[in-house]
N, C-alpha and C. Protein backbone atom coordinates (compact mmCIF):
# COMPACT_ATOMS: atom_id res chain seq x y z
N UNK A 1 -97.08 85.27 28.52
CA UNK A 1 -98.51 85.39 28.59
C UNK A 1 -98.96 85.00 30.00
N UNK A 2 -99.88 85.70 30.53
CA UNK A 2 -100.43 85.42 31.86
C UNK A 2 -101.85 84.90 31.71
N UNK A 3 -102.15 83.82 32.43
CA UNK A 3 -103.49 83.25 32.41
C UNK A 3 -104.12 83.53 33.76
N UNK A 4 -105.28 84.17 33.77
CA UNK A 4 -105.91 84.57 35.02
C UNK A 4 -107.19 83.80 35.34
N UNK A 5 -107.54 82.82 34.49
CA UNK A 5 -108.70 81.99 34.77
C UNK A 5 -108.55 80.64 34.08
N UNK A 6 -109.31 79.67 34.57
CA UNK A 6 -109.25 78.31 34.01
C UNK A 6 -109.88 78.28 32.63
N UNK A 7 -109.39 77.38 31.80
CA UNK A 7 -109.95 77.21 30.46
C UNK A 7 -108.89 76.70 29.50
N UNK A 8 -109.24 76.65 28.24
CA UNK A 8 -108.32 76.19 27.20
C UNK A 8 -108.05 77.31 26.22
N UNK A 9 -106.79 77.42 25.81
CA UNK A 9 -106.38 78.45 24.86
C UNK A 9 -105.65 77.75 23.72
N UNK A 10 -106.20 77.90 22.50
CA UNK A 10 -105.56 77.32 21.32
C UNK A 10 -104.47 78.28 20.84
N UNK A 11 -103.41 77.72 20.27
CA UNK A 11 -102.36 78.55 19.70
C UNK A 11 -101.81 77.88 18.45
N UNK A 12 -101.14 78.67 17.62
CA UNK A 12 -100.52 78.13 16.41
C UNK A 12 -99.39 79.05 15.96
N UNK A 13 -98.51 78.51 15.17
CA UNK A 13 -97.43 79.28 14.57
C UNK A 13 -97.97 79.82 13.25
N UNK A 14 -97.96 81.13 13.07
CA UNK A 14 -98.49 81.72 11.84
C UNK A 14 -97.81 81.17 10.60
N UNK A 15 -96.52 80.92 10.67
CA UNK A 15 -95.78 80.47 9.50
C UNK A 15 -95.85 78.96 9.26
N UNK A 16 -96.16 78.19 10.30
CA UNK A 16 -96.06 76.74 10.17
C UNK A 16 -97.31 75.99 10.63
N UNK A 17 -98.42 76.64 10.80
CA UNK A 17 -99.63 75.97 11.28
C UNK A 17 -100.03 74.83 10.35
N UNK A 18 -99.82 74.99 9.04
CA UNK A 18 -100.19 73.94 8.10
C UNK A 18 -99.33 72.70 8.26
N UNK A 19 -98.19 72.82 8.95
CA UNK A 19 -97.30 71.68 9.18
C UNK A 19 -97.51 71.09 10.57
N UNK A 20 -98.58 71.51 11.23
CA UNK A 20 -98.90 70.91 12.51
C UNK A 20 -98.39 71.65 13.73
N UNK A 21 -97.84 72.82 13.56
CA UNK A 21 -97.33 73.57 14.73
C UNK A 21 -98.49 74.31 15.39
N UNK A 22 -99.34 73.54 16.03
CA UNK A 22 -100.50 74.06 16.75
C UNK A 22 -100.59 73.34 18.08
N UNK A 23 -101.39 73.86 18.97
CA UNK A 23 -101.56 73.20 20.26
C UNK A 23 -102.62 73.87 21.09
N UNK A 24 -102.82 73.34 22.28
CA UNK A 24 -103.77 73.90 23.23
C UNK A 24 -103.13 73.93 24.60
N UNK A 25 -103.28 75.02 25.29
CA UNK A 25 -102.83 75.15 26.67
C UNK A 25 -104.08 75.04 27.53
N UNK A 26 -104.05 74.10 28.48
CA UNK A 26 -105.16 73.93 29.41
C UNK A 26 -104.76 74.50 30.75
N UNK A 27 -105.52 75.45 31.23
CA UNK A 27 -105.25 76.11 32.50
C UNK A 27 -106.27 75.60 33.51
N UNK A 28 -105.77 75.00 34.60
CA UNK A 28 -106.64 74.51 35.66
C UNK A 28 -106.84 75.59 36.71
N UNK A 29 -107.98 75.53 37.37
CA UNK A 29 -108.24 76.46 38.46
C UNK A 29 -107.24 76.20 39.59
N UNK A 30 -106.79 77.26 40.21
CA UNK A 30 -105.86 77.14 41.33
C UNK A 30 -106.58 76.58 42.54
N UNK A 31 -105.87 75.78 43.29
CA UNK A 31 -106.42 75.30 44.55
C UNK A 31 -105.66 75.98 45.67
N UNK A 32 -106.38 76.40 46.67
CA UNK A 32 -105.74 77.16 47.74
C UNK A 32 -105.01 76.28 48.74
N UNK A 33 -105.53 75.09 48.98
CA UNK A 33 -104.92 74.21 49.97
C UNK A 33 -104.92 72.80 49.41
N UNK A 34 -103.80 72.12 49.51
CA UNK A 34 -103.72 70.74 49.07
C UNK A 34 -104.32 69.81 50.10
N UNK A 35 -104.62 68.61 49.67
CA UNK A 35 -105.15 67.58 50.55
C UNK A 35 -103.96 66.82 51.14
N UNK A 36 -103.92 66.63 52.45
CA UNK A 36 -102.80 65.90 53.05
C UNK A 36 -102.68 64.48 52.48
N UNK A 37 -101.46 64.10 52.12
CA UNK A 37 -101.20 62.76 51.60
C UNK A 37 -101.03 61.82 52.79
N UNK A 38 -101.94 60.86 52.89
CA UNK A 38 -101.91 59.86 53.95
C UNK A 38 -101.77 58.47 53.31
N UNK A 39 -101.71 57.44 54.13
CA UNK A 39 -101.59 56.07 53.60
C UNK A 39 -102.74 55.72 52.67
N UNK A 40 -103.86 56.40 52.78
CA UNK A 40 -105.01 56.16 51.92
C UNK A 40 -104.80 56.54 50.47
N UNK A 41 -103.68 57.18 50.14
CA UNK A 41 -103.39 57.50 48.74
C UNK A 41 -102.65 56.35 48.06
N UNK A 42 -102.26 55.33 48.84
CA UNK A 42 -101.63 54.15 48.28
C UNK A 42 -102.61 53.49 47.31
N UNK A 43 -102.11 53.04 46.17
CA UNK A 43 -102.95 52.37 45.19
C UNK A 43 -102.47 52.63 43.78
N UNK A 44 -103.30 52.27 42.84
CA UNK A 44 -103.00 52.45 41.42
C UNK A 44 -103.79 53.64 40.89
N UNK A 45 -103.12 54.45 40.10
CA UNK A 45 -103.69 55.67 39.52
C UNK A 45 -103.44 55.66 38.01
N UNK A 46 -104.22 56.40 37.26
CA UNK A 46 -104.01 56.51 35.82
C UNK A 46 -104.39 57.91 35.35
N UNK A 47 -104.11 58.18 34.08
CA UNK A 47 -104.44 59.49 33.52
C UNK A 47 -105.95 59.61 33.35
N UNK A 48 -106.45 60.83 33.50
CA UNK A 48 -107.90 61.07 33.46
C UNK A 48 -108.49 60.68 32.11
N UNK A 49 -107.74 60.84 31.03
CA UNK A 49 -108.24 60.45 29.72
C UNK A 49 -108.43 58.95 29.60
N UNK A 50 -107.88 58.19 30.55
CA UNK A 50 -107.97 56.72 30.58
C UNK A 50 -107.60 56.11 29.24
N UNK A 51 -106.62 56.71 28.60
CA UNK A 51 -106.17 56.22 27.30
C UNK A 51 -105.18 55.08 27.45
N UNK A 52 -104.76 54.81 28.67
CA UNK A 52 -103.80 53.76 28.88
C UNK A 52 -102.36 54.20 28.67
N UNK A 53 -102.16 55.50 28.48
CA UNK A 53 -100.80 55.96 28.25
C UNK A 53 -99.96 56.00 29.51
N UNK A 54 -100.60 55.91 30.67
CA UNK A 54 -99.87 56.05 31.92
C UNK A 54 -100.55 55.28 33.03
N UNK A 55 -99.78 54.58 33.81
CA UNK A 55 -100.25 53.94 35.03
C UNK A 55 -99.25 54.26 36.13
N UNK A 56 -99.72 54.56 37.32
CA UNK A 56 -98.83 54.90 38.44
C UNK A 56 -99.24 54.10 39.65
N UNK A 57 -98.27 53.42 40.26
CA UNK A 57 -98.49 52.78 41.56
C UNK A 57 -97.86 53.67 42.61
N UNK A 58 -98.65 54.01 43.62
CA UNK A 58 -98.16 54.83 44.73
C UNK A 58 -98.22 54.03 46.01
N UNK A 59 -97.25 54.25 46.87
CA UNK A 59 -97.29 53.67 48.21
C UNK A 59 -96.74 54.70 49.19
N UNK A 60 -97.58 55.06 50.15
CA UNK A 60 -97.16 55.98 51.20
C UNK A 60 -96.48 55.16 52.28
N UNK A 61 -95.24 55.52 52.59
CA UNK A 61 -94.44 54.80 53.58
C UNK A 61 -94.49 55.50 54.93
N UNK A 62 -94.29 54.76 56.01
CA UNK A 62 -94.17 55.41 57.32
C UNK A 62 -92.98 56.38 57.27
N UNK A 63 -93.07 57.46 57.97
CA UNK A 63 -91.98 58.42 58.00
C UNK A 63 -92.09 59.52 56.96
N UNK A 64 -93.20 59.55 56.22
CA UNK A 64 -93.42 60.67 55.31
C UNK A 64 -92.78 60.56 53.94
N UNK A 65 -92.60 59.36 53.44
CA UNK A 65 -92.07 59.19 52.09
C UNK A 65 -93.12 58.56 51.19
N UNK A 66 -92.98 58.83 49.88
CA UNK A 66 -93.90 58.30 48.88
C UNK A 66 -93.09 57.57 47.81
N UNK A 67 -93.49 56.32 47.53
CA UNK A 67 -92.90 55.56 46.43
C UNK A 67 -93.82 55.75 45.23
N UNK A 68 -93.25 56.06 44.08
CA UNK A 68 -94.02 56.19 42.84
C UNK A 68 -93.34 55.39 41.75
N UNK A 69 -94.10 54.53 41.10
CA UNK A 69 -93.62 53.77 39.95
C UNK A 69 -94.59 54.03 38.81
N UNK A 70 -94.07 54.55 37.71
CA UNK A 70 -94.91 54.89 36.56
C UNK A 70 -94.59 53.97 35.39
N UNK A 71 -95.64 53.56 34.71
CA UNK A 71 -95.55 52.70 33.54
C UNK A 71 -96.15 53.48 32.38
N UNK A 72 -95.38 53.66 31.33
CA UNK A 72 -95.83 54.48 30.21
C UNK A 72 -95.24 53.97 28.92
N UNK A 73 -95.64 54.58 27.83
CA UNK A 73 -95.04 54.26 26.54
C UNK A 73 -93.88 55.20 26.30
N UNK A 74 -92.83 54.68 25.68
CA UNK A 74 -91.66 55.47 25.35
C UNK A 74 -91.95 56.33 24.11
N UNK A 75 -91.30 57.48 23.96
CA UNK A 75 -91.56 58.35 22.82
C UNK A 75 -91.40 57.67 21.46
N UNK A 76 -90.45 56.75 21.34
CA UNK A 76 -90.21 56.08 20.06
C UNK A 76 -90.92 54.72 19.98
N UNK A 77 -91.79 54.43 20.94
CA UNK A 77 -92.48 53.15 20.98
C UNK A 77 -91.91 52.26 22.06
N UNK A 78 -92.59 51.19 22.36
CA UNK A 78 -92.16 50.33 23.45
C UNK A 78 -92.66 50.86 24.77
N UNK A 79 -92.17 50.27 25.84
CA UNK A 79 -92.62 50.65 27.16
C UNK A 79 -91.48 51.24 27.97
N UNK A 80 -91.83 52.07 28.92
CA UNK A 80 -90.84 52.66 29.83
C UNK A 80 -91.38 52.55 31.24
N UNK A 81 -90.53 52.19 32.17
CA UNK A 81 -90.87 52.11 33.58
C UNK A 81 -89.91 53.02 34.32
N UNK A 82 -90.45 53.91 35.14
CA UNK A 82 -89.61 54.78 35.96
C UNK A 82 -90.13 54.74 37.38
N UNK A 83 -89.26 54.95 38.34
CA UNK A 83 -89.71 54.92 39.72
C UNK A 83 -88.70 55.51 40.67
N UNK A 84 -89.19 55.82 41.86
CA UNK A 84 -88.33 56.36 42.89
C UNK A 84 -89.10 56.57 44.17
N UNK A 85 -88.41 57.09 45.16
CA UNK A 85 -89.01 57.39 46.46
C UNK A 85 -88.57 58.79 46.85
N UNK A 86 -89.49 59.54 47.45
CA UNK A 86 -89.15 60.89 47.87
C UNK A 86 -90.05 61.35 49.01
N UNK A 87 -89.70 62.47 49.61
CA UNK A 87 -90.45 62.96 50.78
C UNK A 87 -91.77 63.62 50.41
N UNK A 88 -92.73 63.45 51.30
CA UNK A 88 -93.98 64.21 51.20
C UNK A 88 -93.68 65.56 51.84
N UNK A 89 -93.90 66.63 51.09
CA UNK A 89 -93.51 67.97 51.49
C UNK A 89 -94.73 68.72 52.01
N UNK A 90 -94.59 69.33 53.17
CA UNK A 90 -95.68 70.08 53.80
C UNK A 90 -96.96 69.27 53.92
N UNK A 91 -96.83 67.94 53.87
CA UNK A 91 -97.97 67.06 54.05
C UNK A 91 -98.87 66.90 52.84
N UNK A 92 -98.74 67.76 51.81
CA UNK A 92 -99.73 67.71 50.74
C UNK A 92 -99.19 67.53 49.32
N UNK A 93 -97.89 67.40 49.14
CA UNK A 93 -97.37 67.13 47.80
C UNK A 93 -96.01 66.44 47.90
N UNK A 94 -95.62 65.81 46.83
CA UNK A 94 -94.34 65.09 46.82
C UNK A 94 -93.66 65.32 45.48
N UNK A 95 -92.36 65.56 45.52
CA UNK A 95 -91.56 65.62 44.31
C UNK A 95 -90.50 64.54 44.43
N UNK A 96 -90.47 63.66 43.45
CA UNK A 96 -89.65 62.46 43.52
C UNK A 96 -88.70 62.43 42.33
N UNK A 97 -87.42 62.22 42.59
CA UNK A 97 -86.48 61.97 41.51
C UNK A 97 -86.63 60.51 41.12
N UNK A 98 -86.94 60.28 39.85
CA UNK A 98 -87.19 58.91 39.39
C UNK A 98 -86.10 58.46 38.43
N UNK A 99 -85.87 57.18 38.43
CA UNK A 99 -84.83 56.57 37.60
C UNK A 99 -85.45 55.50 36.72
N UNK A 100 -84.71 55.10 35.73
CA UNK A 100 -85.09 54.00 34.86
C UNK A 100 -83.92 53.04 34.75
N UNK A 101 -84.22 51.80 34.53
CA UNK A 101 -83.18 50.79 34.34
C UNK A 101 -83.18 50.42 32.86
N UNK A 102 -82.01 50.50 32.23
CA UNK A 102 -81.93 50.15 30.82
C UNK A 102 -80.61 49.48 30.51
N UNK A 103 -80.47 49.03 29.30
CA UNK A 103 -79.26 48.36 28.87
C UNK A 103 -79.57 46.98 28.34
N UNK A 104 -78.62 46.37 27.64
CA UNK A 104 -78.86 45.07 26.99
C UNK A 104 -78.96 43.90 27.96
N UNK A 105 -78.61 44.08 29.23
CA UNK A 105 -78.69 42.99 30.18
C UNK A 105 -80.05 42.88 30.85
N UNK A 106 -80.96 43.81 30.56
CA UNK A 106 -82.28 43.81 31.17
C UNK A 106 -83.18 42.77 30.56
N UNK A 107 -82.97 41.54 30.94
CA UNK A 107 -83.73 40.41 30.42
C UNK A 107 -84.21 39.56 31.58
N UNK A 108 -85.22 38.77 31.31
CA UNK A 108 -85.76 37.90 32.35
C UNK A 108 -84.81 36.73 32.61
N UNK A 109 -84.81 36.25 33.86
CA UNK A 109 -83.96 35.11 34.22
C UNK A 109 -84.23 33.94 33.30
N UNK A 110 -83.28 33.16 32.96
CA UNK A 110 -81.90 33.10 33.43
C UNK A 110 -80.95 34.00 32.63
N UNK A 111 -81.48 34.84 31.75
CA UNK A 111 -80.63 35.66 30.88
C UNK A 111 -80.30 37.03 31.46
N UNK A 112 -80.76 37.33 32.67
CA UNK A 112 -80.48 38.62 33.29
C UNK A 112 -78.99 38.74 33.59
N UNK A 113 -78.42 39.90 33.23
CA UNK A 113 -77.00 40.15 33.47
C UNK A 113 -76.89 41.50 34.16
N UNK A 114 -76.76 41.53 35.49
CA UNK A 114 -76.72 42.81 36.22
C UNK A 114 -75.56 43.70 35.79
N UNK A 115 -74.50 43.14 35.24
CA UNK A 115 -73.36 43.95 34.80
C UNK A 115 -73.71 44.73 33.53
N UNK A 116 -74.80 44.36 32.86
CA UNK A 116 -75.17 44.99 31.59
C UNK A 116 -76.40 45.90 31.70
N UNK A 117 -76.77 46.28 32.91
CA UNK A 117 -77.89 47.22 33.07
C UNK A 117 -77.41 48.46 33.80
N UNK A 118 -78.07 49.56 33.51
CA UNK A 118 -77.73 50.82 34.16
C UNK A 118 -78.98 51.42 34.77
N UNK A 119 -78.81 51.98 35.94
CA UNK A 119 -79.87 52.72 36.60
C UNK A 119 -79.56 54.19 36.36
N UNK A 120 -80.36 54.84 35.52
CA UNK A 120 -80.07 56.24 35.19
C UNK A 120 -81.25 57.13 35.56
N UNK A 121 -80.94 58.36 35.94
CA UNK A 121 -81.98 59.33 36.31
C UNK A 121 -82.81 59.66 35.09
N UNK A 122 -84.11 59.60 35.23
CA UNK A 122 -85.07 59.94 34.18
C UNK A 122 -85.52 61.39 34.33
N UNK A 123 -85.71 61.84 35.57
CA UNK A 123 -86.20 63.20 35.84
C UNK A 123 -86.92 63.25 37.17
N UNK A 124 -87.90 64.15 37.26
CA UNK A 124 -88.68 64.28 38.49
C UNK A 124 -90.17 64.19 38.18
N UNK A 125 -90.91 63.67 39.15
CA UNK A 125 -92.36 63.67 39.11
C UNK A 125 -92.84 64.38 40.38
N UNK A 126 -93.79 65.27 40.20
CA UNK A 126 -94.41 65.94 41.34
C UNK A 126 -95.88 65.58 41.36
N UNK A 127 -96.37 65.23 42.55
CA UNK A 127 -97.76 64.82 42.71
C UNK A 127 -98.47 65.74 43.68
N UNK A 128 -99.66 66.19 43.28
CA UNK A 128 -100.53 67.03 44.10
C UNK A 128 -101.93 66.44 43.98
N UNK A 129 -102.71 66.51 45.04
CA UNK A 129 -104.04 65.91 45.03
C UNK A 129 -105.08 66.92 45.45
N UNK A 130 -106.22 66.94 44.74
CA UNK A 130 -107.33 67.83 45.10
C UNK A 130 -108.30 67.13 46.04
N UNK A 131 -108.32 65.80 46.02
CA UNK A 131 -109.11 65.00 46.95
C UNK A 131 -108.55 63.58 46.92
N UNK A 132 -109.23 62.65 47.55
CA UNK A 132 -108.71 61.29 47.68
C UNK A 132 -108.70 60.50 46.38
N UNK A 133 -109.35 61.01 45.35
CA UNK A 133 -109.46 60.27 44.11
C UNK A 133 -108.95 61.02 42.88
N UNK A 134 -108.47 62.24 43.06
CA UNK A 134 -108.05 63.06 41.92
C UNK A 134 -106.79 63.83 42.26
N UNK A 135 -105.92 63.93 41.27
CA UNK A 135 -104.69 64.67 41.47
C UNK A 135 -104.09 65.11 40.15
N UNK A 136 -102.87 65.59 40.25
CA UNK A 136 -102.13 66.04 39.07
C UNK A 136 -100.71 65.51 39.17
N UNK A 137 -100.23 64.97 38.07
CA UNK A 137 -98.85 64.56 37.94
C UNK A 137 -98.15 65.55 37.02
N UNK A 138 -97.12 66.20 37.54
CA UNK A 138 -96.25 67.07 36.74
C UNK A 138 -94.92 66.37 36.62
N UNK A 139 -94.28 66.48 35.46
CA UNK A 139 -92.97 65.84 35.29
C UNK A 139 -92.04 66.72 34.48
N UNK A 140 -90.77 66.51 34.76
CA UNK A 140 -89.68 67.12 33.98
C UNK A 140 -88.67 66.00 33.78
N UNK A 141 -88.38 65.69 32.51
CA UNK A 141 -87.46 64.60 32.22
C UNK A 141 -86.24 65.12 31.48
N UNK A 142 -85.10 64.53 31.80
CA UNK A 142 -83.86 64.85 31.08
C UNK A 142 -83.64 63.88 29.93
N UNK A 143 -84.54 62.91 29.76
CA UNK A 143 -84.42 61.94 28.68
C UNK A 143 -85.11 62.51 27.43
N UNK A 144 -84.42 62.51 26.30
CA UNK A 144 -85.01 63.06 25.07
C UNK A 144 -86.36 62.42 24.74
N UNK A 145 -87.30 63.26 24.34
CA UNK A 145 -88.61 62.79 23.93
C UNK A 145 -89.70 62.91 24.98
N UNK A 146 -89.33 63.02 26.24
CA UNK A 146 -90.32 63.13 27.31
C UNK A 146 -90.59 64.57 27.70
N UNK A 147 -89.57 65.43 27.64
CA UNK A 147 -89.69 66.85 27.98
C UNK A 147 -90.31 67.04 29.36
N UNK A 148 -91.31 67.91 29.43
CA UNK A 148 -92.02 68.15 30.68
C UNK A 148 -93.49 68.28 30.36
N UNK A 149 -94.32 68.10 31.38
CA UNK A 149 -95.75 68.20 31.15
C UNK A 149 -96.53 67.98 32.41
N UNK A 150 -97.83 67.86 32.23
CA UNK A 150 -98.75 67.72 33.35
C UNK A 150 -99.96 66.92 32.88
N UNK A 151 -100.42 66.01 33.73
CA UNK A 151 -101.62 65.22 33.44
C UNK A 151 -102.48 65.12 34.69
N UNK A 152 -103.78 65.30 34.53
CA UNK A 152 -104.66 64.98 35.65
C UNK A 152 -104.71 63.46 35.80
N UNK A 153 -104.73 62.99 37.04
CA UNK A 153 -104.78 61.56 37.32
C UNK A 153 -105.95 61.25 38.24
N UNK A 154 -106.40 59.99 38.21
CA UNK A 154 -107.45 59.58 39.14
C UNK A 154 -107.15 58.18 39.66
N UNK A 155 -107.73 57.87 40.79
CA UNK A 155 -107.52 56.59 41.46
C UNK A 155 -108.24 55.47 40.71
N UNK A 156 -107.54 54.33 40.59
CA UNK A 156 -108.13 53.12 40.03
C UNK A 156 -108.41 52.11 41.15
N UNK A 157 -107.47 51.99 42.11
CA UNK A 157 -107.65 51.03 43.20
C UNK A 157 -107.34 51.66 44.54
N UNK A 158 -107.97 51.14 45.57
CA UNK A 158 -107.67 51.45 46.96
C UNK A 158 -107.50 50.10 47.65
N UNK A 159 -106.28 49.77 48.11
CA UNK A 159 -106.08 48.47 48.73
C UNK A 159 -107.00 48.23 49.93
N UNK A 160 -107.37 46.98 50.10
CA UNK A 160 -108.25 46.59 51.21
C UNK A 160 -107.61 47.01 52.53
N UNK A 161 -108.44 47.51 53.42
CA UNK A 161 -107.97 47.89 54.75
C UNK A 161 -107.53 49.35 54.85
N UNK A 162 -107.43 50.04 53.70
CA UNK A 162 -107.05 51.45 53.74
C UNK A 162 -108.27 52.30 53.46
N UNK A 163 -108.26 53.50 53.99
CA UNK A 163 -109.32 54.45 53.68
C UNK A 163 -108.68 55.81 53.49
N UNK A 164 -109.33 56.62 52.74
CA UNK A 164 -108.80 57.96 52.48
C UNK A 164 -109.83 58.96 52.99
N UNK A 165 -109.40 59.80 53.91
CA UNK A 165 -110.38 60.75 54.50
C UNK A 165 -110.96 61.70 53.48
């Protein structure tokens, strides 16, 4: 199916709609030019629905790299933290391979056991911004339950001393 304008399109499975096999596809308007990612994008961001399902800390590093750490709920409950660093591409977007740390040794000191934790790839996060306070997070995860998706995000904090053009 091709979508040629912004809006929402509801869909359902004819045979299984009564069992919840329904959904909505939200199509956003295309943007012709991205906003350059500068140090002013450093700060805390969250999902536009402000439901608390996602928090992201971003830090723009010298040399054109972006650190992203996301805090979210795991598909089966509990919390999940993923993070990584990646290049800012063409000045206006970044795709970052993110990892998660898990295992039975992941405990607070003095019970932390580094031999019992694993750093494993979670997937990728791509960030694009329409202005200094709004953007989109797209993700693709290899971890069961997360799949792939997209969420509009907005800025929560701007650290003192930084400005975003």
